C-alpha atoms as a PDB file:
ATOM      1  CA  UNK A   1      19.567   7.494 -17.977  1.00  0.00           C
ATOM      2  CA  UNK A   2      17.067   9.467 -15.910  1.00  0.00           C
ATOM      3  CA  UNK A   3      13.345   8.706 -16.143  1.00  0.00           C
ATOM      4  CA  UNK A   4      10.722  11.464 -16.243  1.00  0.00           C
ATOM      5  CA  UNK A   5       7.073  10.506 -15.760  1.00  0.00           C
ATOM      6  CA  UNK A   6       3.912  12.328 -16.747  1.00  0.00           C
ATOM      7  CA  UNK A   7       5.341  15.205 -18.760  1.00  0.00           C
ATOM      8  CA  UNK A   8       2.425  17.348 -19.965  1.00  0.00           C
ATOM      9  CA  UNK A   9       2.146  17.908 -23.725  1.00  0.00           C
ATOM     10  CA  UNK A  10       0.856  21.348 -24.757  1.00  0.00           C
ATOM     11  CA  UNK A  11       0.141  22.046 -28.431  1.00  0.00           C
ATOM     12  CA  UNK A  12       2.313  19.124 -29.492  1.00  0.00           C
ATOM     13  CA  UNK A  13       5.389  20.335 -27.568  1.00  0.00           C
ATOM     14  CA  UNK A  14       7.069  19.516 -24.259  1.00  0.00           C
ATOM     15  CA  UNK A  15       9.642  21.347 -22.177  1.00  0.00           C
ATOM     16  CA  UNK A  16      12.282  19.151 -20.592  1.00  0.00           C
ATOM     17  CA  UNK A  17      15.039  20.339 -18.280  1.00  0.00           C
ATOM     18  CA  UNK A  18      18.258  18.353 -18.483  1.00  0.00           C
ATOM     19  CA  UNK A  19      19.142  16.852 -15.097  1.00  0.00           C
ATOM     20  CA  UNK A  20      22.836  17.178 -15.872  1.00  0.00           C
ATOM     21  CA  UNK A  21      23.330  20.713 -17.255  1.00  0.00           C
ATOM     22  CA  UNK A  22      19.918  22.181 -16.166  1.00  0.00           C
ATOM     23  CA  UNK A  23      19.243  23.633 -19.635  1.00  0.00           C
ATOM     24  CA  UNK A  24      15.627  23.721 -20.826  1.00  0.00           C
ATOM     25  CA  UNK A  25      14.872  22.216 -24.230  1.00  0.00           C
ATOM     26  CA  UNK A  26      11.641  22.141 -26.216  1.00  0.00           C
ATOM     27  CA  UNK A  27      10.762  19.040 -28.228  1.00  0.00           C
ATOM     28  CA  UNK A  28       7.909  18.278 -30.631  1.00  0.00           C
ATOM     29  CA  UNK A  29       5.817  15.238 -29.749  1.00  0.00           C
ATOM     30  CA  UNK A  30       3.537  13.423 -32.203  1.00  0.00           C
ATOM     31  CA  UNK A  31      -0.072  12.861 -31.009  1.00  0.00           C
ATOM     32  CA  UNK A  32       0.354   9.083 -30.561  1.00  0.00           C
ATOM     33  CA  UNK A  33       3.732   9.177 -28.821  1.00  0.00           C
ATOM     34  CA  UNK A  34       3.561   7.913 -25.236  1.00  0.00           C
ATOM     35  CA  UNK A  35       7.234   7.174 -24.508  1.00  0.00           C
ATOM     36  CA  UNK A  36      10.439   8.556 -25.978  1.00  0.00           C
ATOM     37  CA  UNK A  37      14.146   8.820 -25.219  1.00  0.00           C
ATOM     38  CA  UNK A  38      15.392  12.381 -25.696  1.00  0.00           C
ATOM     39  CA  UNK A  39      19.004  13.601 -25.778  1.00  0.00           C
ATOM     40  CA  UNK A  40      20.171  16.936 -24.396  1.00  0.00           C
ATOM     41  CA  UNK A  41      21.515  19.099 -27.212  1.00  0.00           C
ATOM     42  CA  UNK A  42      24.158  20.640 -24.941  1.00  0.00           C
ATOM     43  CA  UNK A  43      25.638  17.772 -22.878  1.00  0.00           C
ATOM     44  CA  UNK A  44      24.224  14.705 -24.750  1.00  0.00           C
ATOM     45  CA  UNK A  45      22.714  13.118 -21.629  1.00  0.00           C
ATOM     46  CA  UNK A  46      19.698  10.906 -22.458  1.00  0.00           C
ATOM     47  CA  UNK A  47      16.396  10.939 -20.583  1.00  0.00           C
ATOM     48  CA  UNK A  48      13.532   8.450 -20.834  1.00  0.00           C
ATOM     49  CA  UNK A  49      10.224  10.365 -20.924  1.00  0.00           C
ATOM     50  CA  UNK A  50       6.571   9.362 -20.560  1.00  0.00           C
ATOM     51  CA  UNK A  51       4.200  11.957 -22.016  1.00  0.00           C
ATOM     52  CA  UNK A  52       0.713  12.936 -20.851  1.00  0.00           C
ATOM     53  CA  UNK A  53      -1.517  14.080 -23.731  1.00  0.00           C
ATOM     54  CA  UNK A  54      -4.626  14.515 -21.546  1.00  0.00           C
ATOM     55  CA  UNK A  55      -6.255  17.930 -21.551  1.00  0.00           C
ATOM     56  CA  UNK A  56      -8.046  17.412 -18.209  1.00  0.00           C
ATOM     57  CA  UNK A  57      -6.564  16.479 -14.837  1.00  0.00           C
ATOM     58  CA  UNK A  58      -7.314  12.956 -13.563  1.00  0.00           C
ATOM     59  CA  UNK A  59      -7.797  12.397  -9.854  1.00  0.00           C
ATOM     60  CA  UNK A  60      -6.778   9.023  -8.481  1.00  0.00           C
ATOM     61  CA  UNK A  61      -9.313   7.449  -6.149  1.00  0.00           C
ATOM     62  CA  UNK A  62     -10.237   4.132  -4.554  1.00  0.00           C
ATOM     63  CA  UNK A  63     -14.028   4.028  -4.405  1.00  0.00           C
ATOM     64  CA  UNK A  64     -16.490   1.180  -4.831  1.00  0.00           C
ATOM     65  CA  UNK A  65     -18.892   1.603  -7.704  1.00  0.00           C
ATOM     66  CA  UNK A  66     -21.653  -0.164  -9.536  1.00  0.00           C
ATOM     67  CA  UNK A  67     -21.799  -0.311 -13.329  1.00  0.00           C
ATOM     68  CA  UNK A  68     -25.155  -0.966 -14.967  1.00  0.00           C
ATOM     69  CA  UNK A  69     -25.116  -2.464 -18.459  1.00  0.00           C
ATOM     70  CA  UNK A  70     -28.139  -3.371 -20.596  1.00  0.00           C
ATOM     71  CA  UNK A  71     -30.388  -1.601 -18.006  1.00  0.00           C
ATOM     72  CA  UNK A  72     -30.627  -4.771 -15.909  1.00  0.00           C
ATOM     73  CA  UNK A  73     -27.175  -6.194 -15.163  1.00  0.00           C
ATOM     74  CA  UNK A  74     -25.238  -4.626 -12.285  1.00  0.00           C
ATOM     75  CA  UNK A  75     -21.495  -5.231 -11.911  1.00  0.00           C
ATOM     76  CA  UNK A  76     -19.536  -4.312  -8.776  1.00  0.00           C
ATOM     77  CA  UNK A  77     -16.307  -2.431  -9.611  1.00  0.00           C
ATOM     78  CA  UNK A  78     -13.653  -0.202  -8.062  1.00  0.00           C
ATOM     79  CA  UNK A  79     -13.022   3.287  -9.439  1.00  0.00           C
ATOM     80  CA  UNK A  80      -9.349   4.072  -9.900  1.00  0.00           C
ATOM     81  CA  UNK A  81      -9.533   7.565 -11.448  1.00  0.00           C
ATOM     82  CA  UNK A  82     -12.038  10.297 -12.213  1.00  0.00           C
ATOM     83  CA  UNK A  83     -11.768  13.412 -14.383  1.00  0.00           C
ATOM     84  CA  UNK A  84     -14.134  16.052 -15.733  1.00  0.00           C
ATOM     85  CA  UNK A  85     -14.546  14.097 -18.968  1.00  0.00           C
ATOM     86  CA  UNK A  86     -14.309  10.454 -17.955  1.00  0.00           C
ATOM     87  CA  UNK A  87     -13.792   7.664 -15.490  1.00  0.00           C
ATOM     88  CA  UNK A  88     -11.541   4.619 -15.080  1.00  0.00           C
ATOM     89  CA  UNK A  89     -12.460   1.505 -13.138  1.00  0.00           C
ATOM     90  CA  UNK A  90     -11.212  -1.987 -12.391  1.00  0.00           C
ATOM     91  CA  UNK A  91     -13.270  -5.125 -13.015  1.00  0.00           C
ATOM     92  CA  UNK A  92     -12.483  -8.753 -12.284  1.00  0.00           C
ATOM     93  CA  UNK A  93     -11.555 -10.995 -15.182  1.00  0.00           C
ATOM     94  CA  UNK A  94     -14.884 -12.847 -15.102  1.00  0.00           C
ATOM     95  CA  UNK A  95     -16.877  -9.736 -15.996  1.00  0.00           C
ATOM     96  CA  UNK A  96     -14.344  -8.240 -18.436  1.00  0.00           C
ATOM     97  CA  UNK A  97     -16.061  -9.877 -21.413  1.00  0.00           C
ATOM     98  CA  UNK A  98     -19.237  -7.914 -20.621  1.00  0.00           C
ATOM     99  CA  UNK A  99     -17.580  -4.687 -21.815  1.00  0.00           C
ATOM    100  CA  UNK A 100     -16.752  -3.553 -25.346  1.00  0.00           C
ATOM    101  CA  UNK A 101     -15.670  -0.259 -26.898  1.00  0.00           C
ATOM    102  CA  UNK A 102     -18.591   2.017 -27.711  1.00  0.00           C
ATOM    103  CA  UNK A 103     -20.920   0.383 -25.183  1.00  0.00           C
ATOM    104  CA  UNK A 104     -23.159   2.709 -23.178  1.00  0.00           C
ATOM    105  CA  UNK A 105     -23.081   2.207 -19.399  1.00  0.00           C
ATOM    106  CA  UNK A 106     -24.331   3.875 -16.221  1.00  0.00           C
ATOM    107  CA  UNK A 107     -21.881   4.266 -13.329  1.00  0.00           C
ATOM    108  CA  UNK A 108     -23.091   4.811  -9.756  1.00  0.00           C
ATOM    109  CA  UNK A 109     -20.632   5.746  -7.019  1.00  0.00           C
ATOM    110  CA  UNK A 110     -20.191   7.867  -3.914  1.00  0.00           C
ATOM    111  CA  UNK A 111     -17.891  10.801  -4.661  1.00  0.00           C
ATOM    112  CA  UNK A 112     -14.998  11.657  -2.358  1.00  0.00           C
ATOM    113  CA  UNK A 113     -16.961  14.637  -1.004  1.00  0.00           C
ATOM    114  CA  UNK A 114     -19.867  12.345   0.031  1.00  0.00           C
ATOM    115  CA  UNK A 115     -22.407  12.918  -2.751  1.00  0.00           C
ATOM    116  CA  UNK A 116     -23.960   9.950  -4.580  1.00  0.00           C
ATOM    117  CA  UNK A 117     -23.257  10.253  -8.306  1.00  0.00           C
ATOM    118  CA  UNK A 118     -24.877   8.568 -11.285  1.00  0.00           C
ATOM    119  CA  UNK A 119     -23.275   9.184 -14.678  1.00  0.00           C
ATOM    120  CA  UNK A 120     -23.872   7.883 -18.183  1.00  0.00           C
ATOM    121  CA  UNK A 121     -20.703   6.980 -20.042  1.00  0.00           C
ATOM    122  CA  UNK A 122     -19.436   5.281 -23.191  1.00  0.00           C
ATOM    123  CA  UNK A 123     -16.658   2.694 -22.943  1.00  0.00           C
ATOM    124  CA  UNK A 124     -13.551   4.048 -24.694  1.00  0.00           C
ATOM    125  CA  UNK A 125     -10.860   1.547 -23.663  1.00  0.00           C
ATOM    126  CA  UNK A 126     -10.875  -2.069 -22.496  1.00  0.00           C
ATOM    127  CA  UNK A 127      -7.587  -3.441 -21.183  1.00  0.00           C
ATOM    128  CA  UNK A 128      -6.981  -6.664 -19.232  1.00  0.00           C
ATOM    129  CA  UNK A 129      -7.321  -4.971 -15.850  1.00  0.00           C
ATOM    130  CA  UNK A 130      -9.072  -1.622 -16.447  1.00  0.00           C
ATOM    131  CA  UNK A 131     -11.953  -0.051 -18.302  1.00  0.00           C
ATOM    132  CA  UNK A 132     -11.888   3.582 -19.430  1.00  0.00           C
ATOM    133  CA  UNK A 133     -15.097   5.442 -20.252  1.00  0.00           C
ATOM    134  CA  UNK A 134     -16.007   8.960 -21.351  1.00  0.00           C
ATOM    135  CA  UNK A 135     -19.037  10.739 -19.936  1.00  0.00           C
ATOM    136  CA  UNK A 136     -21.874  11.308 -22.389  1.00  0.00           C
ATOM    137  CA  UNK A 137     -24.032  13.336 -20.030  1.00  0.00           C
ATOM    138  CA  UNK A 138     -23.516  16.587 -18.176  1.00  0.00           C
ATOM    139  CA  UNK A 139     -24.436  15.156 -14.769  1.00  0.00           C
ATOM    140  CA  UNK A 140     -27.440  13.131 -13.687  1.00  0.00           C
ATOM    141  CA  UNK A 141     -27.043  13.598  -9.930  1.00  0.00           C
END
């Protein structure tokens, strides 16, 4: 079984080319589906797929950042990805409890092109090793 990563989903559909017979097939994908095993309709070969529902491109990065919560507490973090609509960063387990979904934060970091950036964001996802946040401002600096 072949594995395909990061297949973009457009309007609820994906196009997958069979690695065996090279035929293109279109499949419908439900909004919450992240992983699925699909079978080629021509040769019956199965492929394990991981779908990407994101509308915006995410850029992987490794940049130090500072997250300000409650206007006074500063937490040192590492950015792991940045997009036009949000940001992902890694925190150590001791400070993980400081974050909760819906919380408003300010993230300060030096962008890859050298400019200092300060962005307001709202925490959208808290997992054991990463925090995901969506920007709530256009751009502060």
